[in-house]
C-alpha atoms as a PDB file:
ATOM      1  CA  MET A   1      99.843  80.283 113.440  1.00  0.00           C
ATOM      2  CA  PRO A   2     100.111  83.394 115.321  1.00  0.00           C
ATOM      3  CA  LEU A   3      96.454  84.578 114.910  1.00  0.00           C
ATOM      4  CA  LYS A   4      94.896  81.086 115.189  1.00  0.00           C
ATOM      5  CA  GLY A   5      91.364  81.560 116.405  1.00  0.00           C
ATOM      6  CA  GLN A   6      91.273  85.366 116.233  1.00  0.00           C
ATOM      7  CA  THR A   7      89.090  87.826 114.237  1.00  0.00           C
ATOM      8  CA  TRP A   8      90.539  90.969 112.605  1.00  0.00           C
ATOM      9  CA  THR A   9      88.663  93.820 110.954  1.00  0.00           C
ATOM     10  CA  LEU A  10      89.991  95.877 107.751  1.00  0.00           C
ATOM     11  CA  ILE A  11      88.615  99.426 107.554  1.00  0.00           C
ATOM     12  CA  PHE A  12      89.695 100.961 104.291  1.00  0.00           C
ATOM     13  CA  THR A  13      88.206 104.309 103.446  1.00  0.00           C
ATOM     14  CA  LYS A  14      90.781 104.806 100.906  1.00  0.00           C
ATOM     15  CA  ALA A  15      91.106 102.613  97.665  1.00  0.00           C
ATOM     16  CA  SER A  16      93.664  99.946  97.544  1.00  0.00           C
ATOM     17  CA  THR A  17      94.727  97.081  95.483  1.00  0.00           C
ATOM     18  CA  ARG A  18      98.040  95.722  97.189  1.00  0.00           C
ATOM     19  CA  THR A  19      97.624  96.641 100.792  1.00  0.00           C
ATOM     20  CA  ARG A  20      93.902  95.425 100.734  1.00  0.00           C
ATOM     21  CA  VAL A  21      94.762  91.999  99.129  1.00  0.00           C
ATOM     22  CA  SER A  22      98.012  91.519 101.163  1.00  0.00           C
ATOM     23  CA  SER A  23      96.169  92.160 104.282  1.00  0.00           C
ATOM     24  CA  GLU A  24      93.466  89.808 103.549  1.00  0.00           C
ATOM     25  CA  VAL A  25      95.902  87.081 102.475  1.00  0.00           C
ATOM     26  CA  GLY A  26      98.182  87.524 105.515  1.00  0.00           C
ATOM     27  CA  ILE A  27      95.195  87.390 108.091  1.00  0.00           C
ATOM     28  CA  ARG A  28      93.887  84.210 106.303  1.00  0.00           C
ATOM     29  CA  ASP A  29      97.487  82.577 106.198  1.00  0.00           C
ATOM     30  CA  TRP A  30      97.902  83.460 109.884  1.00  0.00           C
ATOM     31  CA  ALA A  31      94.886  81.520 110.638  1.00  0.00           C
ATOM     32  CA  ALA A  32      92.380  84.424 111.525  1.00  0.00           C
ATOM     33  CA  LEU A  33      88.896  85.227 110.288  1.00  0.00           C
ATOM     34  CA  ARG A  34      88.496  88.647 108.912  1.00  0.00           C
ATOM     35  CA  CYS A  35      85.650  91.041 108.720  1.00  0.00           C
ATOM     36  CA  ILE A  36      86.048  93.652 105.692  1.00  0.00           C
ATOM     37  CA  PHE A  37      84.439  97.165 106.272  1.00  0.00           C
ATOM     38  CA  ALA A  38      84.635 100.307 104.278  1.00  0.00           C
ATOM     39  CA  ASN A  39      82.083 103.168 104.310  1.00  0.00           C
ATOM     40  CA  ASP A  40      79.184 100.737 104.841  1.00  0.00           C
ATOM     41  CA  ILE A  41      79.855 100.828 108.804  1.00  0.00           C
ATOM     42  CA  GLN A  42      78.445 103.613 110.959  1.00  0.00           C
ATOM     43  CA  MET A  43      81.991 105.505 111.166  1.00  0.00           C
ATOM     44  CA  GLY A  44      81.317 106.208 107.456  1.00  0.00           C
ATOM     45  CA  ARG A  45      77.869 107.858 108.467  1.00  0.00           C
ATOM     46  CA  GLY A  46      78.952 109.952 111.311  1.00  0.00           C
ATOM     47  CA  GLU A  47      79.847 107.686 114.255  1.00  0.00           C
ATOM     48  CA  THR A  48      82.948 109.022 115.993  1.00  0.00           C
ATOM     49  CA  VAL A  49      86.368 107.223 115.460  1.00  0.00           C
ATOM     50  CA  ALA A  50      86.470 106.876 119.232  1.00  0.00           C
ATOM     51  CA  ASP A  51      83.066 105.245 119.511  1.00  0.00           C
ATOM     52  CA  THR A  52      83.936 102.875 116.806  1.00  0.00           C
ATOM     53  CA  ALA A  53      87.125 101.939 118.527  1.00  0.00           C
ATOM     54  CA  ARG A  54      85.265 101.246 121.769  1.00  0.00           C
ATOM     55  CA  THR A  55      82.743  99.094 119.728  1.00  0.00           C
ATOM     56  CA  LEU A  56      85.288  97.136 117.712  1.00  0.00           C
ATOM     57  CA  SER A  57      87.409  96.476 120.748  1.00  0.00           C
ATOM     58  CA  ARG A  58      84.425  94.397 122.168  1.00  0.00           C
ATOM     59  CA  TYR A  59      84.191  92.108 119.076  1.00  0.00           C
ATOM     60  CA  VAL A  60      87.516  91.657 117.289  1.00  0.00           C
ATOM     61  CA  HIS A  61      91.137  91.069 118.265  1.00  0.00           C
ATOM     62  CA  GLY A  62      92.772  93.749 116.042  1.00  0.00           C
ATOM     63  CA  VAL A  63      92.175  96.116 113.122  1.00  0.00           C
ATOM     64  CA  ALA A  64      94.082  97.437 110.079  1.00  0.00           C
ATOM     65  CA  ILE A  65      92.904 100.955 109.040  1.00  0.00           C
ATOM     66  CA  ARG A  66      93.616 102.801 105.624  1.00  0.00           C
ATOM     67  CA  THR A  67      92.170 106.099 105.724  1.00  0.00           C
ATOM     68  CA  PHE A  68      92.974 109.968 105.284  1.00  0.00           C
ATOM     69  CA  ALA A  69      93.649 111.585 108.643  1.00  0.00           C
ATOM     70  CA  GLN A  70      96.642 110.345 110.661  1.00  0.00           C
ATOM     71  CA  SER A  71      94.647 111.499 113.816  1.00  0.00           C
ATOM     72  CA  ASP A  72      91.904 108.845 113.202  1.00  0.00           C
ATOM     73  CA  ILE A  73      94.339 106.136 113.564  1.00  0.00           C
ATOM     74  CA  GLU A  74      96.028 107.816 116.647  1.00  0.00           C
ATOM     75  CA  THR A  75      92.486 108.178 118.214  1.00  0.00           C
ATOM     76  CA  PHE A  76      91.538 104.624 117.527  1.00  0.00           C
ATOM     77  CA  ALA A  77      94.737 103.257 119.022  1.00  0.00           C
ATOM     78  CA  ARG A  78      94.334 105.681 122.135  1.00  0.00           C
ATOM     79  CA  VAL A  79      90.798 104.884 122.930  1.00  0.00           C
ATOM     80  CA  GLY A  80      90.393 101.340 121.816  1.00  0.00           C
ATOM     81  CA  THR A  81      91.984  98.245 123.462  1.00  0.00           C
ATOM     82  CA  ILE A  82      93.068  96.295 120.423  1.00  0.00           C
ATOM     83  CA  PRO A  83      96.281  96.363 118.197  1.00  0.00           C
ATOM     84  CA  VAL A  84      96.075  98.806 115.416  1.00  0.00           C
ATOM     85  CA  ILE A  85      97.852  98.649 112.071  1.00  0.00           C
ATOM     86  CA  ASN A  86      98.482 101.811 110.103  1.00  0.00           C
ATOM     87  CA  ALA A  87      97.617 100.654 106.601  1.00  0.00           C
ATOM     88  CA  LEU A  88      98.031 104.155 105.089  1.00  0.00           C
ATOM     89  CA  THR A  89      97.207 107.722 106.080  1.00  0.00           C
ATOM     90  CA  ASP A  90      97.805 110.948 104.441  1.00  0.00           C
ATOM     91  CA  ASP A  91     100.957 111.311 106.557  1.00  0.00           C
ATOM     92  CA  GLU A  92     102.272 107.798 106.791  1.00  0.00           C
ATOM     93  CA  HIS A  93     102.409 104.311 105.070  1.00  0.00           C
ATOM     94  CA  PRO A  94     104.570 102.275 107.336  1.00  0.00           C
ATOM     95  CA  CYS A  95     103.503  98.701 106.050  1.00  0.00           C
ATOM     96  CA  GLN A  96     104.871  99.681 102.611  1.00  0.00           C
ATOM     97  CA  ILE A  97     108.266 100.570 104.216  1.00  0.00           C
ATOM     98  CA  LEU A  98     108.284  97.227 105.891  1.00  0.00           C
ATOM     99  CA  ALA A  99     107.871  95.454 102.642  1.00  0.00           C
ATOM    100  CA  ASP A 100     110.495  97.593 101.068  1.00  0.00           C
ATOM    101  CA  LEU A 101     112.974  96.872 103.773  1.00  0.00           C
ATOM    102  CA  LEU A 102     112.276  93.130 103.461  1.00  0.00           C
ATOM    103  CA  THR A 103     112.684  93.397  99.708  1.00  0.00           C
ATOM    104  CA  ILE A 104     116.161  95.276  99.950  1.00  0.00           C
ATOM    105  CA  ALA A 105     117.349  92.685 102.627  1.00  0.00           C
ATOM    106  CA  GLU A 106     116.379  89.700 100.320  1.00  0.00           C
ATOM    107  CA  LYS A 107     117.833  91.129  97.241  1.00  0.00           C
ATOM    108  CA  LEU A 108     120.972  92.687  98.417  1.00  0.00           C
ATOM    109  CA  GLY A 109     121.544  90.413 101.344  1.00  0.00           C
ATOM    110  CA  GLY A 110     121.075  92.707 104.228  1.00  0.00           C
ATOM    111  CA  LEU A 111     120.528  96.471 105.073  1.00  0.00           C
ATOM    112  CA  LYS A 112     123.874  97.176 106.632  1.00  0.00           C
ATOM    113  CA  GLY A 113     125.875 100.049 104.932  1.00  0.00           C
ATOM    114  CA  ARG A 114     123.177 100.530 102.246  1.00  0.00           C
ATOM    115  CA  LYS A 115     122.289 103.984 100.606  1.00  0.00           C
ATOM    116  CA  VAL A 116     118.734 104.455  99.530  1.00  0.00           C
ATOM    117  CA  VAL A 117     117.616 107.416  97.657  1.00  0.00           C
ATOM    118  CA  PHE A 118     113.867 108.617  97.262  1.00  0.00           C
ATOM    119  CA  ILE A 119     113.505 110.737  94.089  1.00  0.00           C
ATOM    120  CA  GLY A 120     110.468 113.166  93.363  1.00  0.00           C
ATOM    121  CA  ASP A 121     107.796 114.037  95.807  1.00  0.00           C
ATOM    122  CA  GLY A 122     109.658 113.839  99.061  1.00  0.00           C
ATOM    123  CA  ALA A 123     106.648 115.398 100.999  1.00  0.00           C
ATOM    124  CA  CYS A 124     104.431 112.357 100.555  1.00  0.00           C
ATOM    125  CA  ASN A 125     103.541 109.663 103.124  1.00  0.00           C
ATOM    126  CA  VAL A 126     105.586 107.073 101.725  1.00  0.00           C
ATOM    127  CA  CYS A 127     108.829 109.215 101.894  1.00  0.00           C
ATOM    128  CA  ASN A 128     107.778 110.285 105.538  1.00  0.00           C
ATOM    129  CA  SER A 129     107.643 106.670 106.443  1.00  0.00           C
ATOM    130  CA  TRP A 130     111.041 106.088 104.672  1.00  0.00           C
ATOM    131  CA  LEU A 131     112.641 108.729 106.984  1.00  0.00           C
ATOM    132  CA  PHE A 132     111.384 106.634 110.049  1.00  0.00           C
ATOM    133  CA  GLY A 133     112.390 103.408 108.557  1.00  0.00           C
ATOM    134  CA  ALA A 134     115.855 104.382 107.455  1.00  0.00           C
ATOM    135  CA  ALA A 135     116.396 105.814 110.935  1.00  0.00           C
ATOM    136  CA  LYS A 136     115.422 102.640 112.805  1.00  0.00           C
ATOM    137  CA  THR A 137     117.412 100.380 110.573  1.00  0.00           C
ATOM    138  CA  GLY A 138     120.698 102.628 110.216  1.00  0.00           C
ATOM    139  CA  LEU A 139     120.228 102.993 106.489  1.00  0.00           C
ATOM    140  CA  GLU A 140     121.705 106.215 104.748  1.00  0.00           C
ATOM    141  CA  LEU A 141     118.683 107.997 103.159  1.00  0.00           C
ATOM    142  CA  TRP A 142     118.855 110.771 100.495  1.00  0.00           C
ATOM    143  CA  VAL A 143     115.811 112.557  99.408  1.00  0.00           C
ATOM    144  CA  ALA A 144     116.150 114.349  96.021  1.00  0.00           C
ATOM    145  CA  ALA A 145     113.224 116.704  95.627  1.00  0.00           C
ATOM    146  CA  PRO A 146     112.468 120.225  94.426  1.00  0.00           C
ATOM    147  CA  LYS A 147     112.245 122.601  97.594  1.00  0.00           C
ATOM    148  CA  ARG A 148     108.450 122.749  97.379  1.00  0.00           C
ATOM    149  CA  PHE A 149     108.185 119.025  97.770  1.00  0.00           C
ATOM    150  CA  ALA A 150     110.991 118.106 100.121  1.00  0.00           C
ATOM    151  CA  PRO A 151     109.948 116.484 103.422  1.00  0.00           C
ATOM    152  CA  LEU A 152     108.733 118.629 106.178  1.00  0.00           C
ATOM    153  CA  ALA A 153     111.573 119.625 108.654  1.00  0.00           C
ATOM    154  CA  GLU A 154     109.586 118.333 111.655  1.00  0.00           C
ATOM    155  CA  PHE A 155     109.425 114.688 110.107  1.00  0.00           C
ATOM    156  CA  VAL A 156     113.271 114.889 109.287  1.00  0.00           C
ATOM    157  CA  HIS A 157     113.953 116.120 112.842  1.00  0.00           C
ATOM    158  CA  ARG A 158     111.732 113.424 114.464  1.00  0.00           C
ATOM    159  CA  ALA A 159     113.288 110.608 112.568  1.00  0.00           C
ATOM    160  CA  ALA A 160     116.971 111.698 113.597  1.00  0.00           C
ATOM    161  CA  GLY A 161     118.649 109.251 111.222  1.00  0.00           C
ATOM    162  CA  ASN A 162     121.432 109.378 108.603  1.00  0.00           C
ATOM    163  CA  ILE A 163     119.188 111.566 106.372  1.00  0.00           C
ATOM    164  CA  HIS A 164     120.087 114.076 103.572  1.00  0.00           C
ATOM    165  CA  VAL A 165     117.550 116.227 101.825  1.00  0.00           C
ATOM    166  CA  THR A 166     118.667 117.972  98.370  1.00  0.00           C
ATOM    167  CA  GLU A 167     117.482 119.279  95.271  1.00  0.00           C
ATOM    168  CA  ASN A 168     120.504 117.858  93.486  1.00  0.00           C
ATOM    169  CA  ILE A 169     119.766 114.660  91.917  1.00  0.00           C
ATOM    170  CA  ALA A 170     123.294 113.698  90.758  1.00  0.00           C
ATOM    171  CA  GLU A 171     124.599 114.354  94.432  1.00  0.00           C
ATOM    172  CA  ALA A 172     122.006 112.144  96.021  1.00  0.00           C
ATOM    173  CA  VAL A 173     122.232 109.308  93.530  1.00  0.00           C
ATOM    174  CA  LYS A 174     126.031 108.761  93.386  1.00  0.00           C
ATOM    175  CA  ASP A 175     126.909 105.411  94.491  1.00  0.00           C
ATOM    176  CA  ALA A 176     123.382 104.608  95.700  1.00  0.00           C
ATOM    177  CA  ASP A 177     122.330 100.845  96.340  1.00  0.00           C
ATOM    178  CA  VAL A 178     118.517 101.617  95.855  1.00  0.00           C
ATOM    179  CA  LEU A 179     116.610 104.111  93.870  1.00  0.00           C
ATOM    180  CA  TYR A 180     113.126 104.814  94.892  1.00  0.00           C
ATOM    181  CA  THR A 181     110.207 106.715  93.466  1.00  0.00           C
ATOM    182  CA  ASP A 182     106.482 107.254  93.952  1.00  0.00           C
ATOM    183  CA  VAL A 183     103.753 108.917  92.127  1.00  0.00           C
ATOM    184  CA  TRP A 184     103.737 112.648  91.758  1.00  0.00           C
ATOM    185  CA  VAL A 185      99.893 112.941  92.136  1.00  0.00           C
ATOM    186  CA  SER A 186      98.859 111.019  95.219  1.00  0.00           C
ATOM    187  CA  MET A 187      95.187 110.471  96.216  1.00  0.00           C
ATOM    188  CA  GLY A 188      93.763 113.826  97.190  1.00  0.00           C
ATOM    189  CA  LYS A 189      96.269 115.847  95.114  1.00  0.00           C
ATOM    190  CA  GLU A 190      94.368 115.675  91.831  1.00  0.00           C
ATOM    191  CA  ALA A 191      93.517 119.227  91.574  1.00  0.00           C
ATOM    192  CA  GLU A 192      97.398 120.117  91.688  1.00  0.00           C
ATOM    193  CA  ALA A 193      98.254 117.834  88.911  1.00  0.00           C
ATOM    194  CA  ALA A 194      99.447 120.158  86.184  1.00  0.00           C
ATOM    195  CA  ASP A 195     101.694 122.191  88.480  1.00  0.00           C
ATOM    196  CA  ARG A 196     102.967 119.173  90.021  1.00  0.00           C
ATOM    197  CA  LEU A 197     103.922 117.472  86.848  1.00  0.00           C
ATOM    198  CA  LYS A 198     105.605 120.602  85.692  1.00  0.00           C
ATOM    199  CA  ILE A 199     107.724 121.082  88.739  1.00  0.00           C
ATOM    200  CA  LEU A 200     108.705 117.452  89.164  1.00  0.00           C
ATOM    201  CA  ALA A 201     109.544 116.685  85.529  1.00  0.00           C
ATOM    202  CA  PRO A 202     113.164 117.048  86.020  1.00  0.00           C
ATOM    203  CA  TYR A 203     112.984 114.378  88.739  1.00  0.00           C
ATOM    204  CA  GLN A 204     111.990 111.543  86.662  1.00  0.00           C
ATOM    205  CA  LEU A 205     113.889 108.205  87.355  1.00  0.00           C
ATOM    206  CA  ASN A 206     115.227 107.389  84.053  1.00  0.00           C
ATOM    207  CA  ALA A 207     118.387 105.842  82.495  1.00  0.00           C
ATOM    208  CA  GLY A 208     120.561 108.782  82.970  1.00  0.00           C
ATOM    209  CA  ILE A 209     119.849 108.964  86.671  1.00  0.00           C
ATOM    210  CA  LEU A 210     120.327 105.183  86.988  1.00  0.00           C
ATOM    211  CA  LYS A 211     123.861 105.309  85.488  1.00  0.00           C
ATOM    212  CA  LEU A 212     125.070 107.401  88.332  1.00  0.00           C
ATOM    213  CA  ALA A 213     124.080 104.858  90.961  1.00  0.00           C
ATOM    214  CA  LYS A 214     125.778 101.471  91.624  1.00  0.00           C
ATOM    215  CA  PRO A 215     125.723  99.226  88.596  1.00  0.00           C
ATOM    216  CA  ASP A 216     123.670  96.626  90.406  1.00  0.00           C
ATOM    217  CA  ALA A 217     121.327  99.135  92.222  1.00  0.00           C
ATOM    218  CA  LEU A 218     117.805  98.335  92.805  1.00  0.00           C
ATOM    219  CA  VAL A 219     114.943 100.386  91.224  1.00  0.00           C
ATOM    220  CA  MET A 220     111.874 100.317  93.455  1.00  0.00           C
ATOM    221  CA  HIS A 221     108.464 101.920  93.372  1.00  0.00           C
ATOM    222  CA  CYS A 222     105.452 101.405  95.705  1.00  0.00           C
ATOM    223  CA  LEU A 223     102.952 101.327  92.995  1.00  0.00           C
ATOM    224  CA  PRO A 224     100.508 102.072  91.261  1.00  0.00           C
ATOM    225  CA  ALA A 225     103.114 103.554  88.651  1.00  0.00           C
ATOM    226  CA  TYR A 226     102.397 106.291  86.074  1.00  0.00           C
ATOM    227  CA  VAL A 227     104.934 105.183  83.523  1.00  0.00           C
ATOM    228  CA  GLY A 228     106.509 107.934  81.629  1.00  0.00           C
ATOM    229  CA  LYS A 229     106.068 110.437  84.454  1.00  0.00           C
ATOM    230  CA  GLU A 230     107.809 109.578  87.614  1.00  0.00           C
ATOM    231  CA  ILE A 231     109.639 106.674  86.082  1.00  0.00           C
ATOM    232  CA  ALA A 232     110.618 106.091  82.462  1.00  0.00           C
ATOM    233  CA  ALA A 233     108.991 103.236  80.607  1.00  0.00           C
ATOM    234  CA  ASP A 234     112.436 101.475  79.967  1.00  0.00           C
ATOM    235  CA  VAL A 235     113.619 101.525  83.559  1.00  0.00           C
ATOM    236  CA  PHE A 236     110.240 100.420  84.844  1.00  0.00           C
ATOM    237  CA  GLU A 237     110.220  97.389  82.507  1.00  0.00           C
ATOM    238  CA  ALA A 238     113.800  96.619  83.162  1.00  0.00           C
ATOM    239  CA  HIS A 239     113.266  96.444  86.867  1.00  0.00           C
ATOM    240  CA  GLN A 240     109.605  95.392  87.088  1.00  0.00           C
ATOM    241  CA  LYS A 241     110.364  92.064  88.865  1.00  0.00           C
ATOM    242  CA  THR A 242     111.828  93.959  91.912  1.00  0.00           C
ATOM    243  CA  ILE A 243     109.057  96.384  91.851  1.00  0.00           C
ATOM    244  CA  PHE A 244     106.253  93.878  91.788  1.00  0.00           C
ATOM    245  CA  ASP A 245     108.120  91.687  94.345  1.00  0.00           C
ATOM    246  CA  GLN A 246     107.823  94.604  96.723  1.00  0.00           C
ATOM    247  CA  PRO A 247     104.136  94.223  97.908  1.00  0.00           C
ATOM    248  CA  ARG A 248     104.505  90.409  97.788  1.00  0.00           C
ATOM    249  CA  THR A 249     107.007  90.384 100.610  1.00  0.00           C
ATOM    250  CA  GLY A 250     104.680  92.474 102.738  1.00  0.00           C
ATOM    251  CA  TYR A 251     102.556  89.651 104.113  1.00  0.00           C
ATOM    252  CA  THR A 252     103.111  86.650 101.916  1.00  0.00           C
ATOM    253  CA  ARG A 253     105.800  84.815  99.965  1.00  0.00           C
ATOM    254  CA  ARG A 254     103.575  83.649  97.106  1.00  0.00           C
ATOM    255  CA  LYS A 255     105.450  83.475  93.828  1.00  0.00           C
ATOM    256  CA  PRO A 256     103.796  84.255  90.533  1.00  0.00           C
ATOM    257  CA  SER A 257     102.919  80.890  88.591  1.00  0.00           C
END
């Protein structure tokens, strides 16, 4: 039990289903107590992130934070003296990619030589973290996205992996082992919904796109999915086992009854 006798805190200022539940289950299964906070602590009423970090460092052994600004997590980690898990920011979602990588390894027998294609909004936090995850594991990553929604050059440069960014879906998807998509209207982007849906419509993950990949290619989605938008209903249903296994592999191996 790696966390036996420890107490961990979850600070989630962004709504969550999978990350919240898997974090709680993981902490409990690793024999730690957990305290759940959201906007009911003083940080939600004006206390600085730095002062919150100093306070919690005196009470608990670690913290998982899901919030808006990447700088908040970086400040907490710099000022505090306890481990900090990034459970999602506007810039990154590393826990999701760890679950994704484990899912690919489990279902395809390993990561070596695999080609992963991220389709749609390549400027989102999940794609940003995929850049770093692919680079660290040696995966070939393609991002197929309209120019407006391509990943920022600074993230691609920092990752420095076998990464390719293109607007051409067919070029990206050819011989892919994994096809991956995410919502087109992420939290905080609701005001841009109509514009986003119009621009990203040609990048739907559908049966025609799937035919260009390897016959046994995995279809993955970090959820929640807006079926009929970023992914076609028939493709989603045909690959729902893999899609719903993704969050399961993040912390716990529980199988559905």
